Amino acid sequence: MGLLIDRFDVFASGFWLTLQLCILSGVGALLLGTLVAVLRISPLPPLRWVGTAYVTVIRNAPLTVVWFFAAFGLPALGSNADFLNIPGLNVVFSRLSFDLPYFRFAVIALSVYTAAFVCEAIRSGVNAVPPGQAEAGRSLGLTFGQNLRYVVLPQSWKAAVVPLGSVLIAMIKNSALAGFMGVVGDLSNAAQELVTAEGEAVIPVFIGIALGYLVMTMPLGLLLDRLEKQRAVAR
């Protein structure tokens, strides 16, 4: 415990950077995953093929491979992901404005990878909506997009929220790869610096890292348990 107290500033800085990475990646994964889910249930076969191909490829690829393509593929295409340096957003998430773009690459890699699992969680929620709901919407003259927006998706979120929470917890744990893939200052990178550069004991350092991730994942896990119990009571 002495190490955690003496080097609390290092752990706190790494925790804050990792939390920023998880928040940005979570929002990106939810947006992209919802879009891919819409493609997968689209009445147009080409769109369904695109959605299915995305999920099949990304879900079966290792995260390290996705990270490699984000970190080295985007620069090869002439991009350093500075489109994420959004005015206003970069005030709260200051690392978005850094010239060293590995943080932005990490956000893209985690978002793209997690979106495939978000898509399947949302699709399972859509499948849980009674078919009569969509049919009623069509009978009222709603288009496919209107049916999704006003009828299907609002109901599917209720069934998909617990699987989505599990996906986000997995994403938070996957973010531990960031420090080993070039992101400077996160929890994993802080552990490397303390162990290698400053010669700190390995076990106390990684106990501190584990506690940092538990602080992020346990509240979400407790919230999911509560939601599941509420759904069980409602049923």
C-alpha atoms as a PDB file:
ATOM      1  CA  MET A   1       0.000   0.000   0.000  1.00  0.00           C
ATOM      2  CA  GLY A   2       2.960   2.306   0.580  1.00  0.00           C
ATOM      3  CA  LEU A   3       3.721   2.332  -3.139  1.00  0.00           C
ATOM      4  CA  LEU A   4       0.123   3.249  -4.022  1.00  0.00           C
ATOM      5  CA  ILE A   5       0.276   6.176  -1.618  1.00  0.00           C
ATOM      6  CA  ASP A   6       3.783   7.354  -2.559  1.00  0.00           C
ATOM      7  CA  ARG A   7       3.146   7.180  -6.314  1.00  0.00           C
ATOM      8  CA  PHE A   8      -0.547   8.048  -6.229  1.00  0.00           C
ATOM      9  CA  ASP A   9      -0.009  10.878  -8.734  1.00  0.00           C
ATOM     10  CA  VAL A  10       1.242   8.399 -11.362  1.00  0.00           C
ATOM     11  CA  PHE A  11      -1.683   6.046 -10.818  1.00  0.00           C
ATOM     12  CA  ALA A  12      -4.207   8.921 -10.784  1.00  0.00           C
ATOM     13  CA  SER A  13      -2.837  10.364 -14.037  1.00  0.00           C
ATOM     14  CA  GLY A  14      -2.913   6.946 -15.703  1.00  0.00           C
ATOM     15  CA  PHE A  15      -6.423   6.298 -14.413  1.00  0.00           C
ATOM     16  CA  TRP A  16      -7.721   9.592 -15.806  1.00  0.00           C
ATOM     17  CA  LEU A  17      -6.176   9.001 -19.230  1.00  0.00           C
ATOM     18  CA  THR A  18      -7.531   5.425 -19.363  1.00  0.00           C
ATOM     19  CA  LEU A  19     -10.968   6.695 -18.335  1.00  0.00           C
ATOM     20  CA  GLN A  20     -10.883   9.251 -21.166  1.00  0.00           C
ATOM     21  CA  LEU A  21      -9.945   6.505 -23.618  1.00  0.00           C
ATOM     22  CA  CYS A  22     -12.787   4.274 -22.408  1.00  0.00           C
ATOM     23  CA  ILE A  23     -15.415   7.031 -22.515  1.00  0.00           C
ATOM     24  CA  LEU A  24     -14.503   8.124 -26.051  1.00  0.00           C
ATOM     25  CA  SER A  25     -14.207   4.537 -27.298  1.00  0.00           C
ATOM     26  CA  GLY A  26     -17.484   3.550 -25.636  1.00  0.00           C
ATOM     27  CA  VAL A  27     -19.389   6.394 -27.286  1.00  0.00           C
ATOM     28  CA  GLY A  28     -17.754   5.657 -30.652  1.00  0.00           C
ATOM     29  CA  ALA A  29     -18.528   1.937 -30.362  1.00  0.00           C
ATOM     30  CA  LEU A  30     -22.185   2.599 -29.476  1.00  0.00           C
ATOM     31  CA  LEU A  31     -22.651   4.950 -32.435  1.00  0.00           C
ATOM     32  CA  LEU A  32     -20.835   2.749 -34.947  1.00  0.00           C
ATOM     33  CA  GLY A  33     -22.357  -0.464 -33.562  1.00  0.00           C
ATOM     34  CA  THR A  34     -25.871   0.949 -33.846  1.00  0.00           C
ATOM     35  CA  LEU A  35     -25.197   1.938 -37.462  1.00  0.00           C
ATOM     36  CA  VAL A  36     -23.864  -1.540 -38.290  1.00  0.00           C
ATOM     37  CA  ALA A  37     -26.884  -3.128 -36.560  1.00  0.00           C
ATOM     38  CA  VAL A  38     -29.186  -1.043 -38.770  1.00  0.00           C
ATOM     39  CA  LEU A  39     -27.259  -2.275 -41.821  1.00  0.00           C
ATOM     40  CA  ARG A  40     -27.588  -5.885 -40.659  1.00  0.00           C
ATOM     41  CA  ILE A  41     -31.393  -5.689 -40.389  1.00  0.00           C
ATOM     42  CA  SER A  42     -31.841  -3.511 -43.476  1.00  0.00           C
ATOM     43  CA  PRO A  43     -34.315  -4.738 -46.131  1.00  0.00           C
ATOM     44  CA  LEU A  44     -31.664  -4.047 -48.793  1.00  0.00           C
ATOM     45  CA  PRO A  45     -29.393  -7.094 -49.361  1.00  0.00           C
ATOM     46  CA  PRO A  46     -26.218  -5.056 -50.206  1.00  0.00           C
ATOM     47  CA  LEU A  47     -26.468  -3.196 -46.895  1.00  0.00           C
ATOM     48  CA  ARG A  48     -27.017  -6.442 -45.004  1.00  0.00           C
ATOM     49  CA  TRP A  49     -23.935  -7.914 -46.693  1.00  0.00           C
ATOM     50  CA  VAL A  50     -21.834  -4.909 -45.631  1.00  0.00           C
ATOM     51  CA  GLY A  51     -23.029  -5.171 -42.026  1.00  0.00           C
ATOM     52  CA  THR A  52     -22.526  -8.936 -41.914  1.00  0.00           C
ATOM     53  CA  ALA A  53     -19.046  -8.687 -43.453  1.00  0.00           C
ATOM     54  CA  TYR A  54     -18.013  -6.034 -40.909  1.00  0.00           C
ATOM     55  CA  VAL A  55     -19.166  -8.095 -37.934  1.00  0.00           C
ATOM     56  CA  THR A  56     -17.700 -11.344 -39.282  1.00  0.00           C
ATOM     57  CA  VAL A  57     -14.272  -9.865 -39.989  1.00  0.00           C
ATOM     58  CA  ILE A  58     -13.862  -7.623 -36.949  1.00  0.00           C
ATOM     59  CA  ARG A  59     -15.352  -9.988 -34.395  1.00  0.00           C
ATOM     60  CA  ASN A  60     -13.034 -12.794 -35.452  1.00  0.00           C
ATOM     61  CA  ALA A  61      -9.882 -10.665 -35.709  1.00  0.00           C
ATOM     62  CA  PRO A  62      -7.596 -10.188 -32.678  1.00  0.00           C
ATOM     63  CA  LEU A  63      -7.730  -6.735 -31.144  1.00  0.00           C
ATOM     64  CA  THR A  64      -3.967  -6.419 -31.571  1.00  0.00           C
ATOM     65  CA  VAL A  65      -4.403  -6.775 -35.347  1.00  0.00           C
ATOM     66  CA  VAL A  66      -7.091  -4.079 -35.404  1.00  0.00           C
ATOM     67  CA  TRP A  67      -4.807  -1.870 -33.302  1.00  0.00           C
ATOM     68  CA  PHE A  68      -1.907  -2.508 -35.679  1.00  0.00           C
ATOM     69  CA  PHE A  69      -3.950  -1.422 -38.700  1.00  0.00           C
ATOM     70  CA  ALA A  70      -5.178   1.692 -36.866  1.00  0.00           C
ATOM     71  CA  ALA A  71      -1.673   2.701 -35.726  1.00  0.00           C
ATOM     72  CA  PHE A  72       0.185   1.893 -38.953  1.00  0.00           C
ATOM     73  CA  GLY A  73      -2.502   1.676 -41.626  1.00  0.00           C
ATOM     74  CA  LEU A  74      -3.930   5.147 -41.089  1.00  0.00           C
ATOM     75  CA  PRO A  75      -0.522   6.903 -41.331  1.00  0.00           C
ATOM     76  CA  ALA A  76       0.170   4.909 -44.506  1.00  0.00           C
ATOM     77  CA  LEU A  77      -3.050   6.389 -45.893  1.00  0.00           C
ATOM     78  CA  GLY A  78      -1.898   9.867 -44.940  1.00  0.00           C
ATOM     79  CA  SER A  79      -4.048  10.287 -41.828  1.00  0.00           C
ATOM     80  CA  ASN A  80      -3.006  10.897 -38.234  1.00  0.00           C
ATOM     81  CA  ALA A  81      -6.630  10.732 -37.038  1.00  0.00           C
ATOM     82  CA  ASP A  82      -6.719  14.477 -36.396  1.00  0.00           C
ATOM     83  CA  PHE A  83     -10.425  14.455 -37.356  1.00  0.00           C
ATOM     84  CA  LEU A  84     -10.950  13.442 -33.715  1.00  0.00           C
ATOM     85  CA  ASN A  85      -9.385  16.721 -32.581  1.00  0.00           C
ATOM     86  CA  ILE A  86     -12.832  18.295 -32.308  1.00  0.00           C
ATOM     87  CA  PRO A  87     -12.988  21.859 -30.928  1.00  0.00           C
ATOM     88  CA  GLY A  88     -14.669  21.814 -27.534  1.00  0.00           C
ATOM     89  CA  LEU A  89     -14.298  18.074 -27.110  1.00  0.00           C
ATOM     90  CA  ASN A  90     -10.526  18.414 -26.965  1.00  0.00           C
ATOM     91  CA  VAL A  91     -10.899  20.710 -23.957  1.00  0.00           C
ATOM     92  CA  VAL A  92     -12.380  17.910 -21.831  1.00  0.00           C
ATOM     93  CA  PHE A  93     -10.358  15.143 -23.496  1.00  0.00           C
ATOM     94  CA  SER A  94      -7.079  17.012 -23.829  1.00  0.00           C
ATOM     95  CA  ARG A  95      -5.103  14.138 -25.393  1.00  0.00           C
ATOM     96  CA  LEU A  96      -7.168  14.447 -28.582  1.00  0.00           C
ATOM     97  CA  SER A  97      -5.220  17.612 -29.410  1.00  0.00           C
ATOM     98  CA  PHE A  98      -1.745  16.102 -28.936  1.00  0.00           C
ATOM     99  CA  ASP A  99       0.409  15.815 -32.058  1.00  0.00           C
ATOM    100  CA  LEU A 100       1.440  12.295 -31.027  1.00  0.00           C
ATOM    101  CA  PRO A 101      -1.666  10.548 -32.351  1.00  0.00           C
ATOM    102  CA  TYR A 102      -1.484   7.129 -30.665  1.00  0.00           C
ATOM    103  CA  PHE A 103      -4.254   8.080 -28.251  1.00  0.00           C
ATOM    104  CA  ARG A 104      -6.508   8.859 -31.198  1.00  0.00           C
ATOM    105  CA  PHE A 105      -5.483   5.608 -32.896  1.00  0.00           C
ATOM    106  CA  ALA A 106      -6.369   3.757 -29.690  1.00  0.00           C
ATOM    107  CA  VAL A 107      -9.830   5.356 -29.658  1.00  0.00           C
ATOM    108  CA  ILE A 108     -10.396   4.290 -33.273  1.00  0.00           C
ATOM    109  CA  ALA A 109      -9.145   0.732 -32.725  1.00  0.00           C
ATOM    110  CA  LEU A 110     -11.231   0.155 -29.598  1.00  0.00           C
ATOM    111  CA  SER A 111     -14.318   1.753 -31.170  1.00  0.00           C
ATOM    112  CA  VAL A 112     -14.079  -0.267 -34.392  1.00  0.00           C
ATOM    113  CA  TYR A 113     -13.406  -3.531 -32.552  1.00  0.00           C
ATOM    114  CA  THR A 114     -16.086  -3.096 -29.873  1.00  0.00           C
ATOM    115  CA  ALA A 115     -18.680  -1.892 -32.403  1.00  0.00           C
ATOM    116  CA  ALA A 116     -18.955  -5.423 -33.829  1.00  0.00           C
ATOM    117  CA  PHE A 117     -20.021  -6.752 -30.422  1.00  0.00           C
ATOM    118  CA  VAL A 118     -22.291  -3.759 -29.805  1.00  0.00           C
ATOM    119  CA  CYS A 119     -23.981  -4.519 -33.118  1.00  0.00           C
ATOM    120  CA  GLU A 120     -24.762  -8.093 -32.104  1.00  0.00           C
ATOM    121  CA  ALA A 121     -26.049  -6.981 -28.682  1.00  0.00           C
ATOM    122  CA  ILE A 122     -28.396  -4.471 -30.320  1.00  0.00           C
ATOM    123  CA  ARG A 123     -29.485  -6.997 -32.940  1.00  0.00           C
ATOM    124  CA  SER A 124     -30.371  -9.456 -30.186  1.00  0.00           C
ATOM    125  CA  GLY A 125     -32.466  -6.706 -28.614  1.00  0.00           C
ATOM    126  CA  VAL A 126     -34.189  -6.035 -31.945  1.00  0.00           C
ATOM    127  CA  ASN A 127     -34.969  -9.742 -32.290  1.00  0.00           C
ATOM    128  CA  ALA A 128     -36.563  -9.647 -28.826  1.00  0.00           C
ATOM    129  CA  VAL A 129     -39.128  -7.066 -29.979  1.00  0.00           C
ATOM    130  CA  PRO A 130     -42.385  -8.824 -30.980  1.00  0.00           C
ATOM    131  CA  PRO A 131     -42.739  -8.841 -34.799  1.00  0.00           C
ATOM    132  CA  GLY A 132     -46.228  -7.421 -34.442  1.00  0.00           C
ATOM    133  CA  GLN A 133     -44.745  -4.122 -33.281  1.00  0.00           C
ATOM    134  CA  ALA A 134     -42.920  -3.562 -36.567  1.00  0.00           C
ATOM    135  CA  GLU A 135     -45.911  -4.794 -38.539  1.00  0.00           C
ATOM    136  CA  ALA A 136     -48.142  -2.310 -36.714  1.00  0.00           C
ATOM    137  CA  GLY A 137     -45.708   0.467 -37.610  1.00  0.00           C
ATOM    138  CA  ARG A 138     -45.729  -0.544 -41.274  1.00  0.00           C
ATOM    139  CA  SER A 139     -49.539  -0.645 -41.257  1.00  0.00           C
ATOM    140  CA  LEU A 140     -49.491   2.973 -40.089  1.00  0.00           C
ATOM    141  CA  GLY A 141     -47.379   3.893 -43.110  1.00  0.00           C
ATOM    142  CA  LEU A 142     -44.043   4.272 -41.334  1.00  0.00           C
ATOM    143  CA  THR A 143     -40.929   3.855 -43.447  1.00  0.00           C
ATOM    144  CA  PHE A 144     -38.158   1.429 -42.436  1.00  0.00           C
ATOM    145  CA  GLY A 145     -36.180   4.245 -40.848  1.00  0.00           C
ATOM    146  CA  GLN A 146     -39.184   5.634 -38.982  1.00  0.00           C
ATOM    147  CA  ASN A 147     -40.140   2.162 -37.805  1.00  0.00           C
ATOM    148  CA  LEU A 148     -36.666   1.661 -36.397  1.00  0.00           C
ATOM    149  CA  ARG A 149     -36.489   5.092 -34.788  1.00  0.00           C
ATOM    150  CA  TYR A 150     -39.921   5.250 -33.196  1.00  0.00           C
ATOM    151  CA  VAL A 151     -40.971   1.621 -32.687  1.00  0.00           C
ATOM    152  CA  VAL A 152     -38.201  -1.000 -32.772  1.00  0.00           C
ATOM    153  CA  LEU A 153     -35.026   0.600 -31.385  1.00  0.00           C
ATOM    154  CA  PRO A 154     -36.642   2.233 -28.304  1.00  0.00           C
ATOM    155  CA  GLN A 155     -37.943  -1.192 -27.281  1.00  0.00           C
ATOM    156  CA  SER A 156     -34.807  -3.101 -28.269  1.00  0.00           C
ATOM    157  CA  TRP A 157     -32.611  -1.021 -25.942  1.00  0.00           C
ATOM    158  CA  LYS A 158     -34.435  -2.466 -22.935  1.00  0.00           C
ATOM    159  CA  ALA A 159     -33.490  -6.014 -23.955  1.00  0.00           C
ATOM    160  CA  ALA A 160     -30.006  -5.057 -25.129  1.00  0.00           C
ATOM    161  CA  VAL A 161     -28.842  -2.919 -22.191  1.00  0.00           C
ATOM    162  CA  VAL A 162     -27.429  -5.805 -20.120  1.00  0.00           C
ATOM    163  CA  PRO A 163     -25.485  -7.393 -23.031  1.00  0.00           C
ATOM    164  CA  LEU A 164     -24.264  -3.915 -23.988  1.00  0.00           C
ATOM    165  CA  GLY A 165     -23.012  -3.360 -20.461  1.00  0.00           C
ATOM    166  CA  SER A 166     -21.040  -6.601 -20.624  1.00  0.00           C
ATOM    167  CA  VAL A 167     -19.533  -5.500 -23.943  1.00  0.00           C
ATOM    168  CA  LEU A 168     -18.474  -2.156 -22.434  1.00  0.00           C
ATOM    169  CA  ILE A 169     -16.888  -3.886 -19.440  1.00  0.00           C
ATOM    170  CA  ALA A 170     -14.895  -6.056 -21.849  1.00  0.00           C
ATOM    171  CA  MET A 171     -13.876  -2.910 -23.747  1.00  0.00           C
ATOM    172  CA  ILE A 172     -12.570  -1.285 -20.546  1.00  0.00           C
ATOM    173  CA  LYS A 173     -10.416  -4.345 -19.874  1.00  0.00           C
ATOM    174  CA  ASN A 174      -9.252  -4.403 -23.509  1.00  0.00           C
ATOM    175  CA  SER A 175      -8.017  -0.834 -23.084  1.00  0.00           C
ATOM    176  CA  ALA A 176      -5.160  -2.285 -21.020  1.00  0.00           C
ATOM    177  CA  LEU A 177      -3.432  -2.951 -24.354  1.00  0.00           C
ATOM    178  CA  ALA A 178      -3.130   0.778 -24.990  1.00  0.00           C
ATOM    179  CA  GLY A 179       0.055   1.226 -23.014  1.00  0.00           C
ATOM    180  CA  PHE A 180       1.747  -1.601 -24.895  1.00  0.00           C
ATOM    181  CA  MET A 181       0.649  -0.153 -28.259  1.00  0.00           C
ATOM    182  CA  GLY A 182       2.179   3.309 -27.894  1.00  0.00           C
ATOM    183  CA  VAL A 183      -0.275   5.284 -25.740  1.00  0.00           C
ATOM    184  CA  VAL A 184       1.842   7.237 -23.246  1.00  0.00           C
ATOM    185  CA  GLY A 185       0.476   7.907 -19.765  1.00  0.00           C
ATOM    186  CA  ASP A 186      -2.329   5.379 -19.346  1.00  0.00           C
ATOM    187  CA  LEU A 187      -2.479   2.800 -16.538  1.00  0.00           C
ATOM    188  CA  SER A 188      -0.570   0.117 -18.463  1.00  0.00           C
ATOM    189  CA  ASN A 189       2.117   2.547 -19.538  1.00  0.00           C
ATOM    190  CA  ALA A 190       2.390   3.834 -15.960  1.00  0.00           C
ATOM    191  CA  ALA A 191       3.008   0.253 -14.820  1.00  0.00           C
ATOM    192  CA  GLN A 192       5.771  -0.185 -17.408  1.00  0.00           C
ATOM    193  CA  GLU A 193       7.487   3.029 -16.299  1.00  0.00           C
ATOM    194  CA  LEU A 194       7.308   2.200 -12.603  1.00  0.00           C
ATOM    195  CA  VAL A 195       8.630  -1.325 -13.107  1.00  0.00           C
ATOM    196  CA  THR A 196      11.322  -0.756 -15.732  1.00  0.00           C
ATOM    197  CA  ALA A 197      12.514   2.832 -15.363  1.00  0.00           C
ATOM    198  CA  GLU A 198      12.154   3.229 -11.604  1.00  0.00           C
ATOM    199  CA  GLY A 199      12.629  -0.358 -10.476  1.00  0.00           C
ATOM    200  CA  GLU A 200       9.443  -0.594  -8.433  1.00  0.00           C
ATOM    201  CA  ALA A 201       8.252  -4.033  -7.298  1.00  0.00           C
ATOM    202  CA  VAL A 202       6.092  -5.725  -9.918  1.00  0.00           C
ATOM    203  CA  ILE A 203       3.334  -7.119  -7.695  1.00  0.00           C
ATOM    204  CA  PRO A 204       2.411  -3.843  -5.874  1.00  0.00           C
ATOM    205  CA  VAL A 205       2.419  -1.965  -9.192  1.00  0.00           C
ATOM    206  CA  PHE A 206       0.035  -4.356 -10.867  1.00  0.00           C
ATOM    207  CA  ILE A 207      -2.166  -4.517  -7.777  1.00  0.00           C
ATOM    208  CA  GLY A 208      -2.547  -0.772  -8.205  1.00  0.00           C
ATOM    209  CA  ILE A 209      -3.356  -1.181 -11.893  1.00  0.00           C
ATOM    210  CA  ALA A 210      -5.923  -3.881 -11.097  1.00  0.00           C
ATOM    211  CA  LEU A 211      -7.564  -1.618  -8.510  1.00  0.00           C
ATOM    212  CA  GLY A 212      -7.796   1.141 -11.131  1.00  0.00           C
ATOM    213  CA  TYR A 213      -9.625  -1.127 -13.564  1.00  0.00           C
ATOM    214  CA  LEU A 214     -11.882  -2.456 -10.800  1.00  0.00           C
ATOM    215  CA  VAL A 215     -12.905   1.118  -9.977  1.00  0.00           C
ATOM    216  CA  MET A 216     -14.044   1.503 -13.596  1.00  0.00           C
ATOM    217  CA  THR A 217     -15.696  -1.888 -14.100  1.00  0.00           C
ATOM    218  CA  MET A 218     -17.302  -2.726 -10.751  1.00  0.00           C
ATOM    219  CA  PRO A 219     -19.833   0.152 -10.678  1.00  0.00           C
ATOM    220  CA  LEU A 220     -20.937  -0.777 -14.190  1.00  0.00           C
ATOM    221  CA  GLY A 221     -21.216  -4.443 -13.196  1.00  0.00           C
ATOM    222  CA  LEU A 222     -23.299  -3.561 -10.110  1.00  0.00           C
ATOM    223  CA  LEU A 223     -25.548  -1.370 -12.261  1.00  0.00           C
ATOM    224  CA  LEU A 224     -26.089  -4.250 -14.694  1.00  0.00           C
ATOM    225  CA  ASP A 225     -26.981  -6.596 -11.820  1.00  0.00           C
ATOM    226  CA  ARG A 226     -29.552  -4.106 -10.593  1.00  0.00           C
ATOM    227  CA  LEU A 227     -31.059  -3.675 -14.056  1.00  0.00           C
ATOM    228  CA  GLU A 228     -31.300  -7.441 -14.463  1.00  0.00           C
ATOM    229  CA  LYS A 229     -33.112  -7.785 -11.156  1.00  0.00           C
ATOM    230  CA  GLN A 230     -35.528  -5.000 -12.105  1.00  0.00           C
ATOM    231  CA  ARG A 231     -36.262  -6.723 -15.420  1.00  0.00           C
ATOM    232  CA  ALA A 232     -36.831 -10.018 -13.622  1.00  0.00           C
ATOM    233  CA  VAL A 233     -39.307  -8.358 -11.227  1.00  0.00           C
ATOM    234  CA  ALA A 234     -41.061  -6.625 -14.125  1.00  0.00           C
ATOM    235  CA  ARG A 235     -41.480  -9.951 -15.940  1.00  0.00           C
END
